[in-house]
Amino acid sequence: MTLFVRRKVFIKISFLLLAVLLWCNAAAQVSADSSRIVRVLTFNILHGATMKGNFDLDTIAKVIKSVNPDLVALQEVDFYTNRAKKMDLAAELGLRTGLAPIFGQAMPYDGGGYGEGVLSAYTFFSTQNHALSARQGKEPRAALEVNVILASGDTIRFIGTHLDHTKDETDRINQAYQLNQLFTKDNRPAILAGDLNARPESKTMEILYKQWTKSFTEDIPTAPSVNPKAKIDYILFRPANRWRVLETRVIDEKVASDHRPVLSVLELLPEK
């Protein structure tokens, strides 16, 4: 067999293998139950500011809408503060995206409140805002819990949070323990999303990984949004056997905030 013939055979085999791989991937996507698929986004929105130095909710909303999420965890959310022009940012982004909004206050701030937000394509079945531990002199933090019913009829728990940002990891460690204590008492399917201000190799994440499974396989940096250097934004889930990861990615967005949004597409598997 000549070198030219061998090359043609190799090219044909390569194309055949590629076609098989593409077919298998497509088949896997088709086999997913659309009534159990949840598109999850976490996004630190920098209290409505952008990297251009202006206040621009339309730009933030455009980024959110571009990935068509079912559930969004928002961090650095202002509620009627002076710096946010006395706006309820969760409600304003809900109006702009067509998603149901809720705000969970972590602390009073600047004439209003500051904390977490959740946007949802589903009706809220129940909600609760949990204060997280913080030592004296540190910013209070919260975990905003919502329970929603999927099209399949399954109820899931979704928690959005923002852990302590200071160099000393003590508060983050305490908050990680508290999250595990609050949300792992039963096996209800749950998703935890937010700006955890912790790198993957940190003690904070070690604690969380004991109870939660990460939705990503690579530690792609998420902050700052321009030339990101650290992965600190996460989407985690539990129990591990109830979820299948269909897609996860860090969105290449440099203007809307100082963090890049993170998307994970998860499928809730039937209980065995």
Protein backbone atom coordinates (compact mmCIF):
# COMPACT_ATOMS: atom_id res chain seq x y z
CA MET A 1 0.00 0.00 0.00
CA THR A 2 1.45 3.36 -1.04
CA LEU A 3 1.85 6.28 1.38
CA PHE A 4 -0.86 8.21 -0.51
CA VAL A 5 -3.37 5.34 -0.17
CA ARG A 6 -2.53 4.89 3.50
CA ARG A 7 -3.14 8.59 4.10
CA LYS A 8 -6.54 8.42 2.39
CA VAL A 9 -7.53 5.38 4.48
CA PHE A 10 -6.40 7.16 7.68
CA ILE A 11 -8.42 10.27 6.81
CA LYS A 12 -11.55 8.19 6.10
CA ILE A 13 -11.22 6.33 9.40
CA SER A 14 -10.70 9.60 11.28
CA PHE A 15 -13.85 11.10 9.76
CA LEU A 16 -15.79 7.93 10.59
CA LEU A 17 -14.66 8.02 14.25
CA LEU A 18 -15.54 11.71 14.49
CA ALA A 19 -19.00 11.02 13.08
CA VAL A 20 -19.55 8.24 15.62
CA LEU A 21 -18.49 10.49 18.50
CA LEU A 22 -20.79 13.28 17.34
CA TRP A 23 -23.68 10.85 16.99
CA CYS A 24 -23.09 9.43 20.47
CA ASN A 25 -23.03 12.93 21.95
CA ALA A 26 -26.23 13.87 20.15
CA ALA A 27 -27.89 10.65 21.25
CA ALA A 28 -26.97 11.36 24.86
CA GLN A 29 -28.52 14.83 24.64
CA VAL A 30 -31.68 13.47 23.06
CA SER A 31 -32.02 10.85 25.79
CA ALA A 32 -32.15 13.52 28.49
CA ASP A 33 -35.63 14.16 29.92
CA SER A 34 -36.42 17.78 29.11
CA SER A 35 -38.88 18.00 32.02
CA ARG A 36 -35.96 17.32 34.39
CA ILE A 37 -33.33 19.58 32.86
CA VAL A 38 -32.34 22.64 34.91
CA ARG A 39 -30.21 25.42 33.45
CA VAL A 40 -28.39 27.08 36.35
CA LEU A 41 -26.47 30.35 36.29
CA THR A 42 -24.48 32.02 39.06
CA PHE A 43 -23.49 35.65 38.60
CA ASN A 44 -21.93 38.22 40.92
CA ILE A 45 -23.46 41.41 39.50
CA LEU A 46 -21.33 44.01 41.36
CA HIS A 47 -24.46 45.81 42.65
CA GLY A 48 -25.45 46.85 39.14
CA ALA A 49 -22.18 48.46 38.18
CA THR A 50 -20.17 47.41 35.13
CA MET A 51 -16.53 47.42 34.16
CA LYS A 52 -17.24 50.63 32.25
CA GLY A 53 -17.89 52.33 35.58
CA ASN A 54 -21.57 52.94 34.94
CA PHE A 55 -24.82 51.56 36.39
CA ASP A 56 -26.34 49.34 33.70
CA LEU A 57 -28.93 46.68 34.50
CA ASP A 58 -29.79 46.20 30.82
CA THR A 59 -26.30 44.87 30.09
CA ILE A 60 -26.51 42.47 33.04
CA ALA A 61 -29.97 41.30 31.98
CA LYS A 62 -28.78 40.72 28.42
CA VAL A 63 -26.03 38.41 29.67
CA ILE A 64 -28.51 36.47 31.80
CA LYS A 65 -31.05 36.11 28.98
CA SER A 66 -28.37 34.97 26.51
CA VAL A 67 -28.09 31.57 28.22
CA ASN A 68 -31.83 31.07 28.87
CA PRO A 69 -31.46 29.97 32.52
CA ASP A 70 -34.12 28.34 34.69
CA LEU A 71 -32.51 29.36 37.99
CA VAL A 72 -30.08 32.21 38.64
CA ALA A 73 -28.09 32.88 41.81
CA LEU A 74 -27.16 36.55 42.04
CA GLN A 75 -24.58 37.99 44.42
CA GLU A 76 -23.85 41.58 45.45
CA VAL A 77 -27.50 42.52 45.05
CA ASP A 78 -28.71 45.90 46.30
CA PHE A 79 -32.20 46.63 47.57
CA TYR A 80 -33.20 50.31 47.51
CA THR A 81 -29.67 51.54 48.25
CA ASN A 82 -28.53 55.01 47.29
CA ARG A 83 -25.75 53.70 45.05
CA ALA A 84 -28.28 51.56 43.12
CA LYS A 85 -30.59 54.54 42.56
CA LYS A 86 -33.09 53.25 45.15
CA MET A 87 -33.91 50.26 42.94
CA ASP A 88 -34.75 46.68 43.93
CA LEU A 89 -32.16 45.04 41.69
CA ALA A 90 -33.59 41.52 41.88
CA ALA A 91 -37.02 42.81 40.87
CA GLU A 92 -35.59 44.98 38.09
CA LEU A 93 -33.62 42.08 36.63
CA GLY A 94 -36.71 39.89 36.95
CA LEU A 95 -38.66 42.37 34.84
CA ARG A 96 -35.91 42.52 32.24
CA THR A 97 -35.45 38.73 31.98
CA GLY A 98 -39.02 37.50 32.48
CA LEU A 99 -37.99 35.48 35.54
CA ALA A 100 -39.54 35.52 39.02
CA PRO A 101 -37.30 37.42 41.47
CA ILE A 102 -36.63 37.24 45.20
CA PHE A 103 -34.14 39.12 47.39
CA GLY A 104 -32.51 37.86 50.58
CA GLN A 105 -30.89 40.52 52.75
CA ALA A 106 -27.52 39.81 54.36
CA MET A 107 -27.15 43.25 55.94
CA PRO A 108 -28.54 46.80 55.92
CA TYR A 109 -26.50 49.02 53.63
CA ASP A 110 -26.47 52.56 52.21
CA GLY A 111 -30.08 53.39 53.00
CA GLY A 112 -31.38 49.98 51.95
CA GLY A 113 -30.20 46.37 51.95
CA TYR A 114 -27.48 44.20 50.45
CA GLY A 115 -27.40 40.45 49.89
CA GLU A 116 -28.44 37.68 47.53
CA GLY A 117 -30.99 37.36 44.76
CA VAL A 118 -32.57 34.46 42.93
CA LEU A 119 -34.33 34.56 39.57
CA SER A 120 -36.50 31.60 38.62
CA ALA A 121 -38.44 30.32 35.64
CA TYR A 122 -40.44 28.28 38.15
CA THR A 123 -42.96 29.42 40.74
CA PHE A 124 -41.51 29.51 44.24
CA PHE A 125 -42.99 26.68 46.30
CA SER A 126 -41.31 27.97 49.47
CA THR A 127 -38.46 30.35 50.32
CA GLN A 128 -36.23 31.06 53.32
CA ASN A 129 -33.31 33.38 53.91
CA HIS A 130 -30.65 31.95 56.24
CA ALA A 131 -28.19 34.22 58.05
CA LEU A 132 -24.66 32.81 57.99
CA SER A 133 -22.18 33.18 60.82
CA ALA A 134 -19.77 36.11 60.75
CA ARG A 135 -17.35 37.30 63.40
CA GLN A 136 -17.54 40.79 64.82
CA GLY A 137 -16.40 43.39 62.32
CA LYS A 138 -17.00 41.16 59.30
CA GLU A 139 -19.74 41.64 56.70
CA PRO A 140 -22.84 39.52 57.46
CA ARG A 141 -23.59 36.88 54.85
CA ALA A 142 -26.69 34.90 53.89
CA ALA A 143 -27.86 31.83 52.00
CA LEU A 144 -31.10 32.35 50.09
CA GLU A 145 -33.05 29.09 49.73
CA VAL A 146 -35.90 28.56 47.30
CA ASN A 147 -37.82 25.37 46.62
CA VAL A 148 -39.33 24.93 43.18
CA ILE A 149 -41.28 22.26 41.32
CA LEU A 150 -39.91 21.14 37.95
CA ALA A 151 -42.07 20.27 34.96
CA SER A 152 -41.56 16.62 35.91
CA GLY A 153 -43.33 17.27 39.23
CA ASP A 154 -40.12 16.87 41.25
CA THR A 155 -39.33 19.40 43.98
CA ILE A 156 -35.75 20.64 44.23
CA ARG A 157 -33.94 23.00 46.58
CA PHE A 158 -31.85 25.84 45.16
CA ILE A 159 -29.51 27.89 47.34
CA GLY A 160 -27.71 31.06 46.31
CA THR A 161 -24.96 32.39 48.55
CA HIS A 162 -21.92 34.67 48.81
CA LEU A 163 -19.26 33.72 51.35
CA ASP A 164 -16.86 36.01 53.21
CA HIS A 165 -14.34 37.75 50.96
CA THR A 166 -11.51 38.59 53.37
CA LYS A 167 -8.03 37.02 53.33
CA ASP A 168 -8.53 35.19 56.64
CA GLU A 169 -10.42 32.00 55.74
CA THR A 170 -11.96 31.48 59.20
CA ASP A 171 -15.39 32.90 58.38
CA ARG A 172 -15.59 31.05 55.06
CA ILE A 173 -14.75 27.79 56.82
CA ASN A 174 -17.45 28.41 59.44
CA GLN A 175 -19.95 29.32 56.72
CA ALA A 176 -19.12 26.15 54.76
CA TYR A 177 -19.78 24.02 57.83
CA GLN A 178 -23.05 25.89 58.35
CA LEU A 179 -24.17 25.32 54.76
CA ASN A 180 -23.55 21.60 55.17
CA GLN A 181 -25.48 21.58 58.42
CA LEU A 182 -28.43 23.48 56.97
CA PHE A 183 -28.89 21.68 53.67
CA THR A 184 -27.70 18.08 54.01
CA LYS A 185 -30.09 16.76 56.65
CA ASP A 186 -32.12 14.98 53.97
CA ASN A 187 -31.59 13.72 50.43
CA ARG A 188 -33.84 16.24 48.72
CA PRO A 189 -32.17 17.12 45.39
CA ALA A 190 -30.33 20.39 45.90
CA ILE A 191 -28.15 22.86 44.00
CA LEU A 192 -25.79 25.29 45.72
CA ALA A 193 -24.53 28.18 43.62
CA GLY A 194 -22.66 31.38 44.25
CA ASP A 195 -19.51 33.38 44.75
CA LEU A 196 -17.77 31.34 47.45
CA ASN A 197 -14.59 33.44 47.47
CA ALA A 198 -12.62 30.21 47.84
CA ARG A 199 -10.20 28.52 45.50
CA PRO A 200 -10.73 24.82 44.67
CA GLU A 201 -7.80 23.69 46.85
CA SER A 202 -8.95 25.67 49.92
CA LYS A 203 -10.16 24.28 53.23
CA THR A 204 -13.55 25.87 52.54
CA MET A 205 -14.04 23.84 49.38
CA GLU A 206 -12.67 20.71 51.03
CA ILE A 207 -15.48 20.98 53.58
CA LEU A 208 -18.15 21.58 50.94
CA TYR A 209 -16.91 18.78 48.68
CA LYS A 210 -17.57 16.30 51.47
CA GLN A 211 -21.31 16.85 50.94
CA TRP A 212 -21.59 18.45 47.50
CA THR A 213 -20.45 17.43 44.02
CA LYS A 214 -18.92 19.94 41.64
CA SER A 215 -20.55 20.43 38.26
CA PHE A 216 -17.26 21.13 36.47
CA THR A 217 -14.21 19.02 35.59
CA GLU A 218 -11.74 21.88 35.07
CA ASP A 219 -10.97 24.71 37.49
CA ILE A 220 -11.48 27.49 34.96
CA PRO A 221 -10.89 30.93 36.54
CA THR A 222 -13.94 33.16 37.01
CA ALA A 223 -12.52 36.37 38.50
CA PRO A 224 -11.66 39.03 37.68
CA SER A 225 -13.71 39.14 34.50
CA VAL A 226 -10.80 40.62 32.53
CA ASN A 227 -7.92 38.13 32.48
CA PRO A 228 -9.40 35.93 35.22
CA LYS A 229 -6.93 34.27 37.59
CA ALA A 230 -9.00 32.56 40.30
CA LYS A 231 -11.92 30.16 40.34
CA ILE A 232 -14.22 31.39 43.11
CA ASP A 233 -17.70 31.02 41.54
CA TYR A 234 -19.31 27.58 41.76
CA ILE A 235 -22.33 25.42 41.02
CA LEU A 236 -22.51 22.33 43.24
CA PHE A 237 -25.19 19.66 43.68
CA ARG A 238 -26.32 16.76 45.86
CA PRO A 239 -26.98 13.88 46.14
CA ALA A 240 -24.43 12.92 43.50
CA ASN A 241 -26.54 10.01 42.18
CA ARG A 242 -29.56 12.21 41.47
CA TRP A 243 -27.90 14.58 39.00
CA ARG A 244 -26.21 14.29 35.62
CA VAL A 245 -24.12 17.14 34.22
CA LEU A 246 -25.00 17.87 30.59
CA GLU A 247 -22.97 21.05 30.17
CA THR A 248 -20.91 23.49 32.20
CA ARG A 249 -19.00 26.57 31.12
CA VAL A 250 -17.62 29.90 32.22
CA ILE A 251 -19.13 32.61 30.05
CA ASP A 252 -16.59 34.88 28.36
CA GLU A 253 -18.10 38.17 29.56
CA LYS A 254 -15.76 41.04 30.43
CA VAL A 255 -18.04 44.09 30.74
CA ALA A 256 -21.16 43.32 32.78
CA SER A 257 -19.35 42.68 36.08
CA ASP A 258 -15.98 41.98 37.68
CA HIS A 259 -16.89 38.26 37.77
CA ARG A 260 -17.62 35.98 34.85
CA PRO A 261 -20.98 34.16 34.99
CA VAL A 262 -20.93 30.37 35.32
CA LEU A 263 -23.53 28.12 33.66
CA SER A 264 -24.27 24.46 34.38
CA VAL A 265 -26.99 22.42 32.70
CA LEU A 266 -28.09 19.58 34.98
CA GLU A 267 -30.56 16.75 34.61
CA LEU A 268 -32.39 15.44 37.67
CA LEU A 269 -32.36 11.66 37.51
CA PRO A 270 -35.31 9.57 38.74
CA GLU A 271 -35.05 8.26 42.27
CA LYS A 272 -34.13 4.58 42.36
